[in-house]
Amino acid sequence: MIFFTSKKKETTSNPHYGDVARWIERVIDSCETPKQIKSAERLIRLFESQYYGDLTFDEMHHISRSLLGRSTEKWGGLLEKKLDKKKKDKKK
């Protein structure tokens, strides 16, 4: 008598790397605090580890540097807003 059958597991595939990169871009664009930006940078690192074998070095380098550049720009924008706010508060 067989109680358990060995059922084939469905193979799951990763989402397309372009879709994931666009999603990370949207996450970066929605960041409003430095902690959120740091979390988005962790997503970039996870992306790199997830798609390490699937992409060529050039593709991975281009995508990850683009995402990191975008997060750095966002970080700079947040700092500028904070500095502008301090300048306005000093003038009052």
N, C-alpha and C. Protein backbone atom coordinates (compact mmCIF):
# COMPACT_ATOMS: atom_id res chain seq x y z
N MET A 1 0.84 -1.17 0.00
CA MET A 1 0.00 0.00 0.00
C MET A 1 0.89 1.24 0.00
N ILE A 2 0.60 2.18 -0.88
CA ILE A 2 1.38 3.42 -0.99
C ILE A 2 0.55 4.56 -0.43
N PHE A 3 1.14 5.22 0.57
CA PHE A 3 0.44 6.35 1.17
C PHE A 3 0.78 7.67 0.48
N PHE A 4 2.01 7.77 0.08
CA PHE A 4 2.45 9.02 -0.54
C PHE A 4 2.93 8.73 -1.96
N THR A 5 2.56 9.56 -2.84
CA THR A 5 3.05 9.42 -4.20
C THR A 5 4.10 10.49 -4.44
N SER A 6 5.05 10.15 -5.24
CA SER A 6 6.06 11.16 -5.54
C SER A 6 5.58 11.97 -6.74
N LYS A 7 5.08 13.12 -6.41
CA LYS A 7 4.55 14.00 -7.43
C LYS A 7 5.68 14.91 -7.92
N LYS A 8 5.74 15.12 -9.19
CA LYS A 8 6.76 15.99 -9.74
C LYS A 8 6.51 17.42 -9.28
N LYS A 9 7.57 18.02 -8.80
CA LYS A 9 7.45 19.42 -8.41
C LYS A 9 7.46 20.27 -9.67
N GLU A 10 6.64 21.28 -9.63
CA GLU A 10 6.64 22.21 -10.76
C GLU A 10 7.91 23.03 -10.70
N THR A 11 8.54 23.17 -11.82
CA THR A 11 9.75 23.98 -11.84
C THR A 11 9.34 25.44 -11.90
N THR A 12 9.91 26.20 -11.00
CA THR A 12 9.63 27.63 -11.00
C THR A 12 10.82 28.34 -11.62
N SER A 13 10.54 29.34 -12.36
CA SER A 13 11.62 30.11 -12.97
C SER A 13 11.59 31.52 -12.40
N ASN A 14 12.72 32.13 -12.45
CA ASN A 14 12.82 33.50 -11.97
C ASN A 14 12.08 34.43 -12.92
N PRO A 15 11.54 35.52 -12.39
CA PRO A 15 10.96 36.52 -13.29
C PRO A 15 12.06 37.06 -14.20
N HIS A 16 11.67 37.62 -15.32
CA HIS A 16 12.65 38.17 -16.25
C HIS A 16 13.46 39.26 -15.55
N TYR A 17 14.76 39.25 -15.76
CA TYR A 17 15.62 40.20 -15.05
C TYR A 17 15.28 41.65 -15.36
N GLY A 18 14.79 41.92 -16.54
CA GLY A 18 14.40 43.29 -16.89
C GLY A 18 13.21 43.77 -16.08
N ASP A 19 12.25 42.87 -15.84
CA ASP A 19 11.10 43.22 -15.01
C ASP A 19 11.53 43.50 -13.58
N VAL A 20 12.46 42.70 -13.08
CA VAL A 20 12.93 42.89 -11.71
C VAL A 20 13.70 44.20 -11.60
N ALA A 21 14.53 44.50 -12.58
CA ALA A 21 15.30 45.75 -12.57
C ALA A 21 14.35 46.96 -12.59
N ARG A 22 13.30 46.89 -13.40
CA ARG A 22 12.33 48.00 -13.44
C ARG A 22 11.60 48.14 -12.12
N TRP A 23 11.29 47.01 -11.48
CA TRP A 23 10.63 47.05 -10.18
C TRP A 23 11.55 47.71 -9.14
N ILE A 24 12.83 47.37 -9.17
CA ILE A 24 13.78 47.98 -8.23
C ILE A 24 13.89 49.48 -8.51
N GLU A 25 13.86 49.89 -9.77
CA GLU A 25 13.88 51.32 -10.10
C GLU A 25 12.68 52.03 -9.48
N ARG A 26 11.51 51.41 -9.58
CA ARG A 26 10.32 52.02 -8.99
C ARG A 26 10.43 52.10 -7.47
N VAL A 27 11.04 51.07 -6.86
CA VAL A 27 11.26 51.09 -5.41
C VAL A 27 12.17 52.25 -5.04
N ILE A 28 13.26 52.42 -5.79
CA ILE A 28 14.20 53.51 -5.53
C ILE A 28 13.49 54.86 -5.67
N ASP A 29 12.71 55.01 -6.73
CA ASP A 29 12.00 56.28 -6.96
C ASP A 29 11.02 56.60 -5.84
N SER A 30 10.49 55.58 -5.18
CA SER A 30 9.50 55.82 -4.14
C SER A 30 10.13 56.05 -2.75
N CYS A 31 11.43 55.90 -2.65
CA CYS A 31 12.10 56.06 -1.35
C CYS A 31 12.00 57.50 -0.86
N GLU A 32 11.73 57.63 0.44
CA GLU A 32 11.63 58.96 1.05
C GLU A 32 12.56 59.14 2.24
N THR A 33 13.22 58.08 2.67
CA THR A 33 14.15 58.18 3.80
C THR A 33 15.44 57.44 3.45
N PRO A 34 16.53 57.78 4.15
CA PRO A 34 17.78 57.06 3.90
C PRO A 34 17.68 55.56 4.20
N LYS A 35 16.89 55.18 5.19
CA LYS A 35 16.73 53.76 5.49
C LYS A 35 16.07 53.02 4.32
N GLN A 36 15.13 53.66 3.68
CA GLN A 36 14.47 53.05 2.53
C GLN A 36 15.45 52.89 1.38
N ILE A 37 16.32 53.87 1.20
CA ILE A 37 17.32 53.77 0.13
C ILE A 37 18.29 52.63 0.42
N LYS A 38 18.70 52.48 1.68
CA LYS A 38 19.58 51.37 2.04
C LYS A 38 18.90 50.03 1.77
N SER A 39 17.62 49.94 2.05
CA SER A 39 16.89 48.72 1.76
C SER A 39 16.83 48.45 0.26
N ALA A 40 16.67 49.51 -0.53
CA ALA A 40 16.66 49.36 -1.98
C ALA A 40 18.02 48.88 -2.47
N GLU A 41 19.09 49.36 -1.84
CA GLU A 41 20.43 48.89 -2.22
C GLU A 41 20.61 47.41 -1.87
N ARG A 42 19.98 46.97 -0.81
CA ARG A 42 20.01 45.54 -0.49
C ARG A 42 19.27 44.73 -1.58
N LEU A 43 18.19 45.30 -2.10
CA LEU A 43 17.48 44.64 -3.21
C LEU A 43 18.39 44.50 -4.43
N ILE A 44 19.22 45.50 -4.67
CA ILE A 44 20.15 45.44 -5.80
C ILE A 44 21.13 44.30 -5.59
N ARG A 45 21.64 44.16 -4.38
CA ARG A 45 22.58 43.06 -4.08
C ARG A 45 21.90 41.70 -4.22
N LEU A 46 20.65 41.62 -3.78
CA LEU A 46 19.90 40.37 -3.95
C LEU A 46 19.67 40.06 -5.43
N PHE A 47 19.40 41.10 -6.20
CA PHE A 47 19.24 40.94 -7.65
C PHE A 47 20.52 40.35 -8.24
N GLU A 48 21.67 40.91 -7.84
CA GLU A 48 22.94 40.42 -8.36
C GLU A 48 23.16 38.95 -8.02
N SER A 49 22.85 38.57 -6.78
CA SER A 49 23.06 37.18 -6.40
C SER A 49 22.05 36.25 -7.08
N GLN A 50 20.83 36.73 -7.31
CA GLN A 50 19.79 35.90 -7.92
C GLN A 50 20.09 35.61 -9.39
N TYR A 51 20.59 36.60 -10.11
CA TYR A 51 20.79 36.46 -11.56
C TYR A 51 22.26 36.31 -11.93
N TYR A 52 23.10 35.95 -10.97
CA TYR A 52 24.54 35.85 -11.20
C TYR A 52 24.88 34.94 -12.37
N GLY A 53 24.34 33.76 -12.44
CA GLY A 53 24.67 32.82 -13.51
C GLY A 53 23.89 33.02 -14.79
N ASP A 54 22.80 33.77 -14.71
CA ASP A 54 21.93 33.93 -15.88
C ASP A 54 22.37 35.04 -16.83
N LEU A 55 23.12 36.01 -16.32
CA LEU A 55 23.53 37.16 -17.13
C LEU A 55 25.03 37.16 -17.34
N THR A 56 25.45 37.75 -18.43
CA THR A 56 26.89 37.91 -18.65
C THR A 56 27.41 38.98 -17.70
N PHE A 57 28.72 39.03 -17.57
CA PHE A 57 29.33 40.02 -16.68
C PHE A 57 28.95 41.43 -17.11
N ASP A 58 29.01 41.70 -18.41
CA ASP A 58 28.70 43.04 -18.92
C ASP A 58 27.25 43.43 -18.63
N GLU A 59 26.32 42.49 -18.85
CA GLU A 59 24.91 42.78 -18.57
C GLU A 59 24.69 43.07 -17.09
N MET A 60 25.27 42.21 -16.24
CA MET A 60 25.11 42.39 -14.80
C MET A 60 25.73 43.71 -14.35
N HIS A 61 26.92 44.00 -14.86
CA HIS A 61 27.62 45.23 -14.48
C HIS A 61 26.80 46.45 -14.88
N HIS A 62 26.28 46.44 -16.09
CA HIS A 62 25.49 47.58 -16.59
C HIS A 62 24.24 47.79 -15.74
N ILE A 63 23.50 46.73 -15.48
CA ILE A 63 22.24 46.84 -14.74
C ILE A 63 22.49 47.25 -13.29
N SER A 64 23.42 46.58 -12.63
CA SER A 64 23.63 46.87 -11.21
C SER A 64 24.22 48.27 -11.02
N ARG A 65 25.13 48.70 -11.89
CA ARG A 65 25.70 50.05 -11.77
C ARG A 65 24.64 51.11 -12.05
N SER A 66 23.77 50.83 -12.98
CA SER A 66 22.68 51.75 -13.28
C SER A 66 21.76 51.91 -12.07
N LEU A 67 21.42 50.79 -11.44
CA LEU A 67 20.54 50.84 -10.26
C LEU A 67 21.23 51.52 -9.08
N LEU A 68 22.52 51.21 -8.88
CA LEU A 68 23.25 51.85 -7.79
C LEU A 68 23.41 53.35 -8.03
N GLY A 69 23.62 53.73 -9.28
CA GLY A 69 23.70 55.16 -9.61
C GLY A 69 22.39 55.86 -9.33
N ARG A 70 21.31 55.21 -9.66
CA ARG A 70 19.98 55.79 -9.41
C ARG A 70 19.74 55.96 -7.91
N SER A 71 20.16 54.96 -7.11
CA SER A 71 19.97 55.07 -5.66
C SER A 71 20.87 56.16 -5.08
N THR A 72 22.07 56.32 -5.62
CA THR A 72 22.97 57.38 -5.15
C THR A 72 22.39 58.76 -5.46
N GLU A 73 21.81 58.91 -6.65
CA GLU A 73 21.17 60.17 -7.01
C GLU A 73 20.00 60.47 -6.09
N LYS A 74 19.24 59.45 -5.77
CA LYS A 74 18.09 59.62 -4.86
C LYS A 74 18.59 60.04 -3.48
N TRP A 75 19.65 59.40 -3.00
CA TRP A 75 20.25 59.73 -1.71
C TRP A 75 20.68 61.20 -1.72
N GLY A 76 21.36 61.62 -2.79
CA GLY A 76 21.79 63.02 -2.91
C GLY A 76 20.61 63.98 -2.91
N GLY A 77 19.55 63.61 -3.58
CA GLY A 77 18.35 64.45 -3.60
C GLY A 77 17.75 64.62 -2.21
N LEU A 78 17.73 63.54 -1.44
CA LEU A 78 17.21 63.62 -0.07
C LEU A 78 18.09 64.52 0.79
N LEU A 79 19.40 64.43 0.61
CA LEU A 79 20.31 65.28 1.38
C LEU A 79 20.14 66.75 1.01
N GLU A 80 19.96 67.02 -0.28
CA GLU A 80 19.74 68.40 -0.72
C GLU A 80 18.47 68.97 -0.11
N LYS A 81 17.41 68.18 -0.10
CA LYS A 81 16.15 68.64 0.51
C LYS A 81 16.35 68.95 1.98
N LYS A 82 17.10 68.09 2.66
CA LYS A 82 17.35 68.29 4.09
C LYS A 82 18.16 69.55 4.32
N LEU A 83 19.18 69.78 3.50
CA LEU A 83 19.99 70.99 3.63
C LEU A 83 19.19 72.25 3.32
N ASP A 84 18.36 72.19 2.28
CA ASP A 84 17.51 73.34 1.95
C ASP A 84 16.56 73.67 3.09
N LYS A 85 16.03 72.63 3.72
CA LYS A 85 15.11 72.84 4.84
C LYS A 85 15.84 73.50 6.00
N LYS A 86 17.09 73.07 6.28
CA LYS A 86 17.86 73.68 7.36
C LYS A 86 18.19 75.14 7.05
N LYS A 87 18.51 75.44 5.79
CA LYS A 87 18.80 76.81 5.40
C LYS A 87 17.58 77.70 5.59
N LYS A 88 16.41 77.20 5.20
CA LYS A 88 15.18 77.96 5.37
C LYS A 88 14.86 78.19 6.83
N ASP A 89 15.11 77.16 7.66
CA ASP A 89 14.86 77.29 9.09
C ASP A 89 15.81 78.30 9.74
N LYS A 90 17.05 78.39 9.26
CA LYS A 90 18.01 79.36 9.81
C LYS A 90 17.61 80.79 9.46
N LYS A 91 17.07 80.98 8.27
CA LYS A 91 16.69 82.32 7.82
C LYS A 91 15.51 82.86 8.61
N LYS A 92 14.71 82.02 9.18
CA LYS A 92 13.52 82.46 9.91
C LYS A 92 13.93 82.97 11.22
